[in-house]
C-alpha atoms as a PDB file:
ATOM      1  CA  ALA A   1     147.110 149.780  43.734  1.00  0.00           C
ATOM      2  CA  CYS A   2     149.020 153.002  42.963  1.00  0.00           C
ATOM      3  CA  VAL A   3     150.881 151.309  40.090  1.00  0.00           C
ATOM      4  CA  LEU A   4     147.526 150.297  38.589  1.00  0.00           C
ATOM      5  CA  ASP A   5     146.472 153.937  38.831  1.00  0.00           C
ATOM      6  CA  LEU A   6     149.725 154.953  37.137  1.00  0.00           C
ATOM      7  CA  CYS A   7     148.955 152.589  34.253  1.00  0.00           C
ATOM      8  CA  ALA A   8     145.349 153.671  33.940  1.00  0.00           C
ATOM      9  CA  HIS A   9     146.306 156.227  31.283  1.00  0.00           C
ATOM     10  CA  LEU A  10     147.712 153.476  29.054  1.00  0.00           C
ATOM     11  CA  PRO A  11     145.427 152.619  26.137  1.00  0.00           C
ATOM     12  CA  LYS A  12     143.121 149.637  26.437  1.00  0.00           C
ATOM     13  CA  GLN A  13     144.241 146.637  24.504  1.00  0.00           C
ATOM     14  CA  GLN A  14     143.371 147.016  20.862  1.00  0.00           C
ATOM     15  CA  THR A  15     143.852 145.013  17.717  1.00  0.00           C
ATOM     16  CA  GLY A  16     145.870 147.825  16.228  1.00  0.00           C
ATOM     17  CA  LEU A  17     147.505 151.051  17.266  1.00  0.00           C
ATOM     18  CA  LEU A  18     148.695 153.981  15.186  1.00  0.00           C
ATOM     19  CA  LEU A  19     151.806 155.408  16.794  1.00  0.00           C
ATOM     20  CA  HIS A  20     153.398 158.649  15.624  1.00  0.00           C
ATOM     21  CA  VAL A  21     157.162 158.707  16.115  1.00  0.00           C
ATOM     22  CA  CYS A  22     159.117 161.968  16.052  1.00  0.00           C
ATOM     23  CA  ASN A  23     161.229 162.856  13.054  1.00  0.00           C
ATOM     24  CA  THR A  24     164.126 160.578  13.861  1.00  0.00           C
ATOM     25  CA  GLU A  25     165.879 158.061  11.725  1.00  0.00           C
ATOM     26  CA  LYS A  26     166.553 155.657  14.595  1.00  0.00           C
ATOM     27  CA  VAL A  27     163.904 153.903  16.644  1.00  0.00           C
ATOM     28  CA  VAL A  28     164.854 151.531  19.434  1.00  0.00           C
ATOM     29  CA  CYS A  29     162.099 148.975  20.184  1.00  0.00           C
ATOM     30  CA  VAL A  30     162.109 147.096  23.482  1.00  0.00           C
ATOM     31  CA  GLY A  31     159.602 144.401  24.338  1.00  0.00           C
ATOM     32  CA  ASP A  32     158.888 141.638  26.793  1.00  0.00           C
ATOM     33  CA  ILE A  33     161.006 142.958  29.651  1.00  0.00           C
ATOM     34  CA  HIS A  34     159.271 140.807  32.285  1.00  0.00           C
ATOM     35  CA  SER A  35     160.880 142.627  35.246  1.00  0.00           C
ATOM     36  CA  ASN A  36     164.421 142.223  33.852  1.00  0.00           C
ATOM     37  CA  ILE A  37     165.953 145.558  34.833  1.00  0.00           C
ATOM     38  CA  HIS A  38     169.380 144.305  33.700  1.00  0.00           C
ATOM     39  CA  ALA A  39     168.124 143.850  30.116  1.00  0.00           C
ATOM     40  CA  ILE A  40     166.948 147.465  29.962  1.00  0.00           C
ATOM     41  CA  LEU A  41     170.228 148.704  31.438  1.00  0.00           C
ATOM     42  CA  ASP A  42     172.102 146.666  28.800  1.00  0.00           C
ATOM     43  CA  VAL A  43     170.014 148.358  26.070  1.00  0.00           C
ATOM     44  CA  LEU A  44     170.674 151.797  27.546  1.00  0.00           C
ATOM     45  CA  ASN A  45     174.392 151.109  27.846  1.00  0.00           C
ATOM     46  CA  ASP A  46     174.493 149.996  24.184  1.00  0.00           C
ATOM     47  CA  MET A  47     172.642 153.185  23.256  1.00  0.00           C
ATOM     48  CA  LYS A  48     175.113 155.262  25.267  1.00  0.00           C
ATOM     49  CA  SER A  49     178.016 153.518  23.469  1.00  0.00           C
ATOM     50  CA  ASN A  50     176.359 154.411  20.145  1.00  0.00           C
ATOM     51  CA  LYS A  51     175.734 158.000  21.266  1.00  0.00           C
ATOM     52  CA  LEU A  52     171.940 157.590  21.202  1.00  0.00           C
ATOM     53  CA  ILE A  53     171.485 158.591  24.883  1.00  0.00           C
ATOM     54  CA  ASP A  54     173.486 160.729  27.250  1.00  0.00           C
ATOM     55  CA  GLU A  55     174.417 160.135  30.878  1.00  0.00           C
ATOM     56  CA  ASN A  56     171.303 162.059  32.032  1.00  0.00           C
ATOM     57  CA  MET A  57     168.970 159.742  30.035  1.00  0.00           C
ATOM     58  CA  TYR A  58     168.151 162.246  27.294  1.00  0.00           C
ATOM     59  CA  LEU A  59     167.761 160.601  23.903  1.00  0.00           C
ATOM     60  CA  ILE A  60     169.951 161.898  21.074  1.00  0.00           C
ATOM     61  CA  ASP A  61     168.313 161.872  17.635  1.00  0.00           C
ATOM     62  CA  CYS A  62     166.300 158.720  18.273  1.00  0.00           C
ATOM     63  CA  SER A  63     163.027 157.459  19.678  1.00  0.00           C
ATOM     64  CA  MET A  64     162.198 154.488  21.883  1.00  0.00           C
ATOM     65  CA  ILE A  65     159.122 152.274  21.891  1.00  0.00           C
ATOM     66  CA  PHE A  66     158.503 149.967  24.826  1.00  0.00           C
ATOM     67  CA  MET A  67     156.073 147.292  23.706  1.00  0.00           C
ATOM     68  CA  GLY A  68     154.605 145.866  26.889  1.00  0.00           C
ATOM     69  CA  ASP A  69     155.038 142.988  29.312  1.00  0.00           C
ATOM     70  CA  TYR A  70     156.999 145.009  31.860  1.00  0.00           C
ATOM     71  CA  ALA A  71     156.568 143.578  35.349  1.00  0.00           C
ATOM     72  CA  ASP A  72     155.395 140.067  35.833  1.00  0.00           C
ATOM     73  CA  ARG A  73     158.224 137.541  36.296  1.00  0.00           C
ATOM     74  CA  GLY A  74     161.036 138.891  38.391  1.00  0.00           C
ATOM     75  CA  PRO A  75     161.879 140.938  41.479  1.00  0.00           C
ATOM     76  CA  TYR A  76     162.546 144.237  39.674  1.00  0.00           C
ATOM     77  CA  GLY A  77     159.154 145.119  38.212  1.00  0.00           C
ATOM     78  CA  LEU A  78     158.804 148.301  40.201  1.00  0.00           C
ATOM     79  CA  LEU A  79     162.278 149.467  39.213  1.00  0.00           C
ATOM     80  CA  VAL A  80     161.420 148.720  35.578  1.00  0.00           C
ATOM     81  CA  PHE A  81     158.358 150.985  35.854  1.00  0.00           C
ATOM     82  CA  ALA A  82     160.391 153.710  37.602  1.00  0.00           C
ATOM     83  CA  LEU A  83     163.009 153.616  34.847  1.00  0.00           C
ATOM     84  CA  LEU A  84     160.372 153.767  32.107  1.00  0.00           C
ATOM     85  CA  ALA A  85     158.668 156.704  33.865  1.00  0.00           C
ATOM     86  CA  CYS A  86     162.013 158.513  34.107  1.00  0.00           C
ATOM     87  CA  LEU A  87     162.840 157.941  30.477  1.00  0.00           C
ATOM     88  CA  HIS A  88     159.398 159.111  29.426  1.00  0.00           C
ATOM     89  CA  SER A  89     159.453 162.206  31.654  1.00  0.00           C
ATOM     90  CA  LYS A  90     162.814 163.270  30.170  1.00  0.00           C
ATOM     91  CA  ASN A  91     161.856 162.448  26.611  1.00  0.00           C
ATOM     92  CA  PRO A  92     158.031 162.770  26.405  1.00  0.00           C
ATOM     93  CA  SER A  93     157.945 163.147  22.622  1.00  0.00           C
ATOM     94  CA  ASN A  94     160.447 160.388  21.934  1.00  0.00           C
ATOM     95  CA  VAL A  95     159.481 157.590  24.360  1.00  0.00           C
ATOM     96  CA  SER A  96     156.274 155.596  23.836  1.00  0.00           C
ATOM     97  CA  ILE A  97     155.076 153.035  26.362  1.00  0.00           C
ATOM     98  CA  ILE A  98     152.488 150.629  25.049  1.00  0.00           C
ATOM     99  CA  ARG A  99     150.357 148.484  27.324  1.00  0.00           C
ATOM    100  CA  GLY A 100     151.043 144.777  26.780  1.00  0.00           C
ATOM    101  CA  ASN A 101     148.876 141.773  27.490  1.00  0.00           C
ATOM    102  CA  HIS A 102     150.689 141.264  30.842  1.00  0.00           C
ATOM    103  CA  GLU A 103     149.713 144.662  32.262  1.00  0.00           C
ATOM    104  CA  GLY A 104     146.708 143.955  34.421  1.00  0.00           C
ATOM    105  CA  GLU A 105     145.725 143.297  37.980  1.00  0.00           C
ATOM    106  CA  LYS A 106     144.977 139.573  37.574  1.00  0.00           C
ATOM    107  CA  LEU A 107     148.319 138.670  36.053  1.00  0.00           C
ATOM    108  CA  TRP A 108     150.258 140.997  38.362  1.00  0.00           C
ATOM    109  CA  THR A 109     148.609 139.385  41.374  1.00  0.00           C
ATOM    110  CA  ARG A 110     149.241 135.858  40.123  1.00  0.00           C
ATOM    111  CA  CYS A 111     152.851 136.531  39.081  1.00  0.00           C
ATOM    112  CA  GLY A 112     153.969 138.393  42.255  1.00  0.00           C
ATOM    113  CA  PHE A 113     154.260 142.012  41.074  1.00  0.00           C
ATOM    114  CA  ALA A 114     151.491 143.148  43.431  1.00  0.00           C
ATOM    115  CA  LYS A 115     153.404 141.590  46.336  1.00  0.00           C
ATOM    116  CA  GLU A 116     156.627 143.260  45.243  1.00  0.00           C
ATOM    117  CA  PHE A 117     154.921 146.631  45.193  1.00  0.00           C
ATOM    118  CA  THR A 118     153.395 146.096  48.665  1.00  0.00           C
ATOM    119  CA  HIS A 119     156.816 145.167  50.157  1.00  0.00           C
ATOM    120  CA  MET A 120     158.541 148.222  48.701  1.00  0.00           C
ATOM    121  CA  GLN A 121     156.117 150.780  50.125  1.00  0.00           C
ATOM    122  CA  PRO A 122     157.520 152.678  53.170  1.00  0.00           C
END
């Protein structure tokens, strides 16, 4: 339930969205993660190799857009959300997180994310 509260600030699904990106030449777009923490880590490692992010997760002259479908098919959905929250908190003007069609209580319950969250609580 807390994760749903965390996502409450995300915009409702719309047919279109105007997104303002900071004055950077490079934009890294990531979509359809589906709880695959390893895929995000691969992207971040590639960015580090290309000097687009430092070891403390601060972006260097670039922006990132995460395009939804974060936590619905694998065991690492909560870690995916934690990583996105960390990236956004360190780079609030350069990281955009857009709500996808898989972010919702019905799908999360059906696909196991709600259960994952319940098991990880202390």
